[in-house]
Amino acid sequence: MMRFVVTGTDTGIGKTIFSAALASALGGSYWKPVQSGLDEETDSQAVHRLGRLPPERIFPEAYRLRTPASPHLAARIDHVAIGTSQLTPPLTDAPLVIEGAGGLLVPLTETEVFADVFARWQIPVILCARTGLGTINHTLLSLEALRHRAIPVFGIAFIGDEQTETQRIIASMGQDRILGRLPRLDPLTPENLSQAFLENFPLSSFTGSTP
């Protein structure tokens, strides 16, 4: 069954929005292994709202940390010990979208980052990258980190306004396929998100089916 890890070049770039759209379009399920910060809407709640995924298709987080900080720090403050060996993707018959936190090298513990867990899973990674200034460096560094750990890269999903040259040079130097670009949406509603995703990301890219 299809499984994807959605990660980003940074925090706050829109990977939760992308995850909601992808899980909805595939008729799939969603899992956020570690959630830091519970006072505001969690990523699972955002996916439920924006992707209109029913509760039974959203798997509970392995760790829910109240402090809004990097998982390693939030866990220390909350007196929780994260066991990365316990982070095992849930079994499901439907496509599964797994969302990381922040970027690839965000620490889960004092010795392990998210990319180390992704390397064990060997699930294809979709790298979400903003289109704004600075993204070339961040995206190419993220691709290097993935390759260094032999993590399979499914493709790059841009998020933001069209930046033709930026997107071109990342595709050329990064030597990975571009899945599409999700524009900024105002208002951001489930209807607008679904329409924008289907207009900019051919489903056949994810399913392997003939368009």
C-alpha atoms as a PDB file:
ATOM      1  CA  MET A   1       0.000   0.000   0.000  1.00  0.00           C
ATOM      2  CA  MET A   2       1.150   3.553  -0.718  1.00  0.00           C
ATOM      3  CA  ARG A   3       3.031   5.233   2.115  1.00  0.00           C
ATOM      4  CA  PHE A   4       4.669   8.644   2.085  1.00  0.00           C
ATOM      5  CA  VAL A   5       6.652  10.653   4.609  1.00  0.00           C
ATOM      6  CA  VAL A   6       6.062  14.384   4.286  1.00  0.00           C
ATOM      7  CA  THR A   7       8.884  16.525   5.609  1.00  0.00           C
ATOM      8  CA  GLY A   8       9.999  20.089   5.019  1.00  0.00           C
ATOM      9  CA  THR A   9      13.024  22.277   4.570  1.00  0.00           C
ATOM     10  CA  ASP A  10      11.951  24.302   7.609  1.00  0.00           C
ATOM     11  CA  THR A  11       9.097  24.764  10.042  1.00  0.00           C
ATOM     12  CA  GLY A  12       5.912  26.623   9.162  1.00  0.00           C
ATOM     13  CA  ILE A  13       6.180  26.190   5.391  1.00  0.00           C
ATOM     14  CA  GLY A  14       2.843  24.452   4.890  1.00  0.00           C
ATOM     15  CA  LYS A  15       3.620  20.738   5.051  1.00  0.00           C
ATOM     16  CA  THR A  16       0.570  20.091   7.251  1.00  0.00           C
ATOM     17  CA  ILE A  17      -1.627  21.752   4.635  1.00  0.00           C
ATOM     18  CA  PHE A  18       0.027  19.680   1.924  1.00  0.00           C
ATOM     19  CA  SER A  19      -0.385  16.519   4.021  1.00  0.00           C
ATOM     20  CA  ALA A  20      -4.085  17.232   4.482  1.00  0.00           C
ATOM     21  CA  ALA A  21      -4.572  17.716   0.750  1.00  0.00           C
ATOM     22  CA  LEU A  22      -2.576  14.606  -0.168  1.00  0.00           C
ATOM     23  CA  ALA A  23      -4.293  12.323   2.345  1.00  0.00           C
ATOM     24  CA  SER A  24      -7.691  13.598   1.231  1.00  0.00           C
ATOM     25  CA  ALA A  25      -6.945  13.219  -2.490  1.00  0.00           C
ATOM     26  CA  LEU A  26      -5.678   9.647  -1.993  1.00  0.00           C
ATOM     27  CA  GLY A  27      -8.545   8.675   0.271  1.00  0.00           C
ATOM     28  CA  GLY A  28      -5.847   7.824   2.770  1.00  0.00           C
ATOM     29  CA  SER A  29      -4.942   8.025   6.431  1.00  0.00           C
ATOM     30  CA  TYR A  30      -2.662  10.368   8.352  1.00  0.00           C
ATOM     31  CA  TRP A  31      -0.172   9.966  11.195  1.00  0.00           C
ATOM     32  CA  LYS A  32       1.879  12.550  13.080  1.00  0.00           C
ATOM     33  CA  PRO A  33       4.400  10.550  15.155  1.00  0.00           C
ATOM     34  CA  VAL A  34       5.363  13.388  17.523  1.00  0.00           C
ATOM     35  CA  GLN A  35       3.343  16.512  18.257  1.00  0.00           C
ATOM     36  CA  SER A  36       4.915  19.383  20.186  1.00  0.00           C
ATOM     37  CA  GLY A  37       2.553  22.056  21.499  1.00  0.00           C
ATOM     38  CA  LEU A  38      -1.030  21.271  22.451  1.00  0.00           C
ATOM     39  CA  ASP A  39      -2.446  24.677  23.363  1.00  0.00           C
ATOM     40  CA  GLU A  40      -3.320  25.548  19.756  1.00  0.00           C
ATOM     41  CA  GLU A  41      -4.718  23.409  16.945  1.00  0.00           C
ATOM     42  CA  THR A  42      -2.554  20.332  16.503  1.00  0.00           C
ATOM     43  CA  ASP A  43      -1.443  19.108  13.094  1.00  0.00           C
ATOM     44  CA  SER A  44      -3.783  16.120  13.336  1.00  0.00           C
ATOM     45  CA  GLN A  45      -6.696  18.448  14.078  1.00  0.00           C
ATOM     46  CA  ALA A  46      -5.716  20.673  11.140  1.00  0.00           C
ATOM     47  CA  VAL A  47      -5.612  17.665   8.795  1.00  0.00           C
ATOM     48  CA  HIS A  48      -9.025  16.560  10.061  1.00  0.00           C
ATOM     49  CA  ARG A  49     -10.420  20.041   9.390  1.00  0.00           C
ATOM     50  CA  LEU A  50      -8.727  20.890   6.085  1.00  0.00           C
ATOM     51  CA  GLY A  51      -8.647  17.413   4.579  1.00  0.00           C
ATOM     52  CA  ARG A  52     -12.025  16.413   5.973  1.00  0.00           C
ATOM     53  CA  LEU A  53     -10.561  13.110   7.055  1.00  0.00           C
ATOM     54  CA  PRO A  54     -12.827  11.157   9.388  1.00  0.00           C
ATOM     55  CA  PRO A  55     -11.390  10.532  12.888  1.00  0.00           C
ATOM     56  CA  GLU A  56     -10.842   6.833  12.207  1.00  0.00           C
ATOM     57  CA  ARG A  57      -8.397   7.739   9.403  1.00  0.00           C
ATOM     58  CA  ILE A  58      -6.211   9.851  11.683  1.00  0.00           C
ATOM     59  CA  PHE A  59      -3.937   7.717  13.836  1.00  0.00           C
ATOM     60  CA  PRO A  60      -3.092   8.998  17.322  1.00  0.00           C
ATOM     61  CA  GLU A  61       0.337  10.483  17.879  1.00  0.00           C
ATOM     62  CA  ALA A  62       2.934   8.286  19.548  1.00  0.00           C
ATOM     63  CA  TYR A  63       4.000  11.261  21.665  1.00  0.00           C
ATOM     64  CA  ARG A  64       1.954  14.354  22.537  1.00  0.00           C
ATOM     65  CA  LEU A  65       4.166  16.998  24.123  1.00  0.00           C
ATOM     66  CA  ARG A  66       2.580  20.067  25.664  1.00  0.00           C
ATOM     67  CA  THR A  67       5.565  22.392  25.266  1.00  0.00           C
ATOM     68  CA  PRO A  68       5.816  24.080  21.831  1.00  0.00           C
ATOM     69  CA  ALA A  69       9.493  23.398  21.140  1.00  0.00           C
ATOM     70  CA  SER A  70      11.803  20.985  19.372  1.00  0.00           C
ATOM     71  CA  PRO A  71      10.750  17.459  20.411  1.00  0.00           C
ATOM     72  CA  HIS A  72      13.950  16.778  22.343  1.00  0.00           C
ATOM     73  CA  LEU A  73      13.472  19.937  24.423  1.00  0.00           C
ATOM     74  CA  ALA A  74       9.702  19.605  24.750  1.00  0.00           C
ATOM     75  CA  ALA A  75      10.162  16.045  25.993  1.00  0.00           C
ATOM     76  CA  ARG A  76      12.725  17.146  28.569  1.00  0.00           C
ATOM     77  CA  ILE A  77      10.487  19.932  29.858  1.00  0.00           C
ATOM     78  CA  ASP A  78       7.446  17.641  29.917  1.00  0.00           C
ATOM     79  CA  HIS A  79       9.419  14.837  31.633  1.00  0.00           C
ATOM     80  CA  VAL A  80       8.833  12.409  28.765  1.00  0.00           C
ATOM     81  CA  ALA A  81      11.389   9.979  27.362  1.00  0.00           C
ATOM     82  CA  ILE A  82      11.012   9.580  23.608  1.00  0.00           C
ATOM     83  CA  GLY A  83      11.916   6.101  22.450  1.00  0.00           C
ATOM     84  CA  THR A  84      12.597   6.350  18.737  1.00  0.00           C
ATOM     85  CA  SER A  85      12.479   2.559  18.425  1.00  0.00           C
ATOM     86  CA  GLN A  86       8.811   2.827  19.404  1.00  0.00           C
ATOM     87  CA  LEU A  87       8.047   5.028  16.383  1.00  0.00           C
ATOM     88  CA  THR A  88       6.594   2.438  14.039  1.00  0.00           C
ATOM     89  CA  PRO A  89       4.205   3.430  11.221  1.00  0.00           C
ATOM     90  CA  PRO A  90       0.694   2.124  11.850  1.00  0.00           C
ATOM     91  CA  LEU A  91      -0.676  -0.691   9.718  1.00  0.00           C
ATOM     92  CA  THR A  92      -3.505   0.261   7.392  1.00  0.00           C
ATOM     93  CA  ASP A  93      -5.039  -0.956   4.142  1.00  0.00           C
ATOM     94  CA  ALA A  94      -5.362   2.640   2.901  1.00  0.00           C
ATOM     95  CA  PRO A  95      -2.630   4.979   1.655  1.00  0.00           C
ATOM     96  CA  LEU A  96      -0.765   6.487   4.602  1.00  0.00           C
ATOM     97  CA  VAL A  97       0.654  10.004   4.905  1.00  0.00           C
ATOM     98  CA  ILE A  98       3.169  10.458   7.736  1.00  0.00           C
ATOM     99  CA  GLU A  99       4.183  14.003   8.677  1.00  0.00           C
ATOM    100  CA  GLY A 100       7.428  14.866  10.410  1.00  0.00           C
ATOM    101  CA  ALA A 101       8.076  17.959  12.516  1.00  0.00           C
ATOM    102  CA  GLY A 102      10.061  20.916  11.206  1.00  0.00           C
ATOM    103  CA  GLY A 103      12.937  19.779   9.037  1.00  0.00           C
ATOM    104  CA  LEU A 104      14.945  16.606   8.626  1.00  0.00           C
ATOM    105  CA  LEU A 105      17.535  17.363  11.291  1.00  0.00           C
ATOM    106  CA  VAL A 106      15.123  18.370  14.039  1.00  0.00           C
ATOM    107  CA  PRO A 107      16.275  16.413  17.112  1.00  0.00           C
ATOM    108  CA  LEU A 108      13.961  13.866  18.682  1.00  0.00           C
ATOM    109  CA  THR A 109      16.455  12.976  21.409  1.00  0.00           C
ATOM    110  CA  GLU A 110      19.973  14.029  22.358  1.00  0.00           C
ATOM    111  CA  THR A 111      21.365  11.621  19.777  1.00  0.00           C
ATOM    112  CA  GLU A 112      18.776  11.142  17.014  1.00  0.00           C
ATOM    113  CA  VAL A 113      17.036  13.368  14.492  1.00  0.00           C
ATOM    114  CA  PHE A 114      13.944  12.717  12.386  1.00  0.00           C
ATOM    115  CA  ALA A 115      16.075  11.742   9.391  1.00  0.00           C
ATOM    116  CA  ASP A 116      17.542   8.839  11.386  1.00  0.00           C
ATOM    117  CA  VAL A 117      14.035   7.456  11.923  1.00  0.00           C
ATOM    118  CA  PHE A 118      13.142   7.992   8.262  1.00  0.00           C
ATOM    119  CA  ALA A 119      16.270   6.069   7.272  1.00  0.00           C
ATOM    120  CA  ARG A 120      15.095   3.061   9.292  1.00  0.00           C
ATOM    121  CA  TRP A 121      11.620   3.200   7.767  1.00  0.00           C
ATOM    122  CA  GLN A 122      12.794   3.478   4.135  1.00  0.00           C
ATOM    123  CA  ILE A 123       9.452   5.028   3.181  1.00  0.00           C
ATOM    124  CA  PRO A 124       9.610   7.449   0.204  1.00  0.00           C
ATOM    125  CA  VAL A 125       9.922  11.057   1.348  1.00  0.00           C
ATOM    126  CA  ILE A 126       8.146  14.060  -0.141  1.00  0.00           C
ATOM    127  CA  LEU A 127      10.151  17.198   0.578  1.00  0.00           C
ATOM    128  CA  CYS A 128       8.028  20.338   0.937  1.00  0.00           C
ATOM    129  CA  ALA A 129       9.937  23.508   0.056  1.00  0.00           C
ATOM    130  CA  ARG A 130       8.866  27.118   0.130  1.00  0.00           C
ATOM    131  CA  THR A 131       9.406  29.146  -3.043  1.00  0.00           C
ATOM    132  CA  GLY A 132      10.670  32.286  -1.287  1.00  0.00           C
ATOM    133  CA  LEU A 133      14.169  33.639  -0.737  1.00  0.00           C
ATOM    134  CA  GLY A 134      16.561  31.153   0.859  1.00  0.00           C
ATOM    135  CA  THR A 135      14.801  28.052  -0.359  1.00  0.00           C
ATOM    136  CA  ILE A 136      17.516  27.019  -2.832  1.00  0.00           C
ATOM    137  CA  ASN A 137      20.085  26.548  -0.071  1.00  0.00           C
ATOM    138  CA  HIS A 138      17.654  24.897   2.355  1.00  0.00           C
ATOM    139  CA  THR A 139      16.230  22.547  -0.259  1.00  0.00           C
ATOM    140  CA  LEU A 140      19.575  21.385  -1.642  1.00  0.00           C
ATOM    141  CA  LEU A 141      20.926  20.844   1.880  1.00  0.00           C
ATOM    142  CA  SER A 142      17.832  18.801   2.749  1.00  0.00           C
ATOM    143  CA  LEU A 143      18.295  16.655  -0.345  1.00  0.00           C
ATOM    144  CA  GLU A 144      21.926  16.065   0.638  1.00  0.00           C
ATOM    145  CA  ALA A 145      20.845  14.999   4.122  1.00  0.00           C
ATOM    146  CA  LEU A 146      18.371  12.526   2.622  1.00  0.00           C
ATOM    147  CA  ARG A 147      20.925  11.049   0.252  1.00  0.00           C
ATOM    148  CA  HIS A 148      23.580  10.843   2.943  1.00  0.00           C
ATOM    149  CA  ARG A 149      21.281   8.493   4.864  1.00  0.00           C
ATOM    150  CA  ALA A 150      20.098   6.624   1.736  1.00  0.00           C
ATOM    151  CA  ILE A 151      16.507   7.724   2.300  1.00  0.00           C
ATOM    152  CA  PRO A 152      14.369   7.333  -0.846  1.00  0.00           C
ATOM    153  CA  VAL A 153      13.152  10.677  -2.198  1.00  0.00           C
ATOM    154  CA  PHE A 154       9.772  10.576  -3.893  1.00  0.00           C
ATOM    155  CA  GLY A 155       9.898  14.194  -5.062  1.00  0.00           C
ATOM    156  CA  ILE A 156       9.725  17.872  -4.169  1.00  0.00           C
ATOM    157  CA  ALA A 157       6.502  19.783  -3.537  1.00  0.00           C
ATOM    158  CA  PHE A 158       6.809  23.547  -3.722  1.00  0.00           C
ATOM    159  CA  ILE A 159       4.549  25.735  -1.615  1.00  0.00           C
ATOM    160  CA  GLY A 160       4.045  29.416  -2.340  1.00  0.00           C
ATOM    161  CA  ASP A 161       4.002  31.851  -5.242  1.00  0.00           C
ATOM    162  CA  GLU A 162       5.477  30.891  -8.599  1.00  0.00           C
ATOM    163  CA  GLN A 163       9.246  31.457  -8.749  1.00  0.00           C
ATOM    164  CA  THR A 164      10.249  29.954 -12.085  1.00  0.00           C
ATOM    165  CA  GLU A 165      14.016  30.298 -11.830  1.00  0.00           C
ATOM    166  CA  THR A 166      14.150  29.139  -8.216  1.00  0.00           C
ATOM    167  CA  GLN A 167      12.107  26.059  -9.022  1.00  0.00           C
ATOM    168  CA  ARG A 168      14.168  25.357 -12.162  1.00  0.00           C
ATOM    169  CA  ILE A 169      17.571  25.505 -10.478  1.00  0.00           C
ATOM    170  CA  ILE A 170      16.426  23.315  -7.580  1.00  0.00           C
ATOM    171  CA  ALA A 171      15.156  20.705 -10.038  1.00  0.00           C
ATOM    172  CA  SER A 172      18.376  20.916 -12.055  1.00  0.00           C
ATOM    173  CA  MET A 173      20.898  20.879  -9.203  1.00  0.00           C
ATOM    174  CA  GLY A 174      18.858  18.691  -6.893  1.00  0.00           C
ATOM    175  CA  GLN A 175      18.315  16.039  -9.578  1.00  0.00           C
ATOM    176  CA  ASP A 176      14.901  15.121  -8.197  1.00  0.00           C
ATOM    177  CA  ARG A 177      11.496  15.385  -9.745  1.00  0.00           C
ATOM    178  CA  ILE A 178       9.142  18.249  -9.010  1.00  0.00           C
ATOM    179  CA  LEU A 179       5.703  16.991  -8.057  1.00  0.00           C
ATOM    180  CA  GLY A 180       3.997  20.356  -8.353  1.00  0.00           C
ATOM    181  CA  ARG A 181       3.421  23.646  -6.559  1.00  0.00           C
ATOM    182  CA  LEU A 182       0.684  24.422  -4.078  1.00  0.00           C
ATOM    183  CA  PRO A 183      -0.125  28.154  -4.164  1.00  0.00           C
ATOM    184  CA  ARG A 184      -0.918  30.170  -1.069  1.00  0.00           C
ATOM    185  CA  LEU A 185      -4.679  30.119  -0.573  1.00  0.00           C
ATOM    186  CA  ASP A 186      -6.826  32.925   0.787  1.00  0.00           C
ATOM    187  CA  PRO A 187      -9.173  31.882   2.171  1.00  0.00           C
ATOM    188  CA  LEU A 188      -7.757  28.522   3.129  1.00  0.00           C
ATOM    189  CA  THR A 189     -10.816  26.285   3.100  1.00  0.00           C
ATOM    190  CA  PRO A 190     -11.193  22.535   2.527  1.00  0.00           C
ATOM    191  CA  GLU A 191     -12.840  23.245  -0.827  1.00  0.00           C
ATOM    192  CA  ASN A 192     -10.130  25.641  -2.022  1.00  0.00           C
ATOM    193  CA  LEU A 193      -7.377  23.328  -0.845  1.00  0.00           C
ATOM    194  CA  SER A 194      -8.807  20.281  -2.574  1.00  0.00           C
ATOM    195  CA  GLN A 195      -9.304  22.166  -5.827  1.00  0.00           C
ATOM    196  CA  ALA A 196      -5.824  23.729  -5.775  1.00  0.00           C
ATOM    197  CA  PHE A 197      -4.167  20.395  -5.037  1.00  0.00           C
ATOM    198  CA  LEU A 198      -5.934  18.552  -7.840  1.00  0.00           C
ATOM    199  CA  GLU A 199      -5.177  21.377 -10.283  1.00  0.00           C
ATOM    200  CA  ASN A 200      -1.458  21.408  -9.485  1.00  0.00           C
ATOM    201  CA  PHE A 201      -0.589  17.809  -8.563  1.00  0.00           C
ATOM    202  CA  PRO A 202      -1.569  15.003 -10.943  1.00  0.00           C
ATOM    203  CA  LEU A 203      -2.767  12.101  -8.819  1.00  0.00           C
ATOM    204  CA  SER A 204      -1.051   9.731 -11.216  1.00  0.00           C
ATOM    205  CA  SER A 205       2.278  11.060  -9.854  1.00  0.00           C
ATOM    206  CA  PHE A 206       1.447   9.470  -6.513  1.00  0.00           C
ATOM    207  CA  THR A 207      -0.539   6.408  -7.541  1.00  0.00           C
ATOM    208  CA  GLY A 208       1.556   5.364 -10.515  1.00  0.00           C
ATOM    209  CA  SER A 209      -1.571   5.025 -12.617  1.00  0.00           C
ATOM    210  CA  THR A 210      -1.920   6.280 -16.180  1.00  0.00           C
ATOM    211  CA  PRO A 211      -3.582   9.737 -16.312  1.00  0.00           C
END
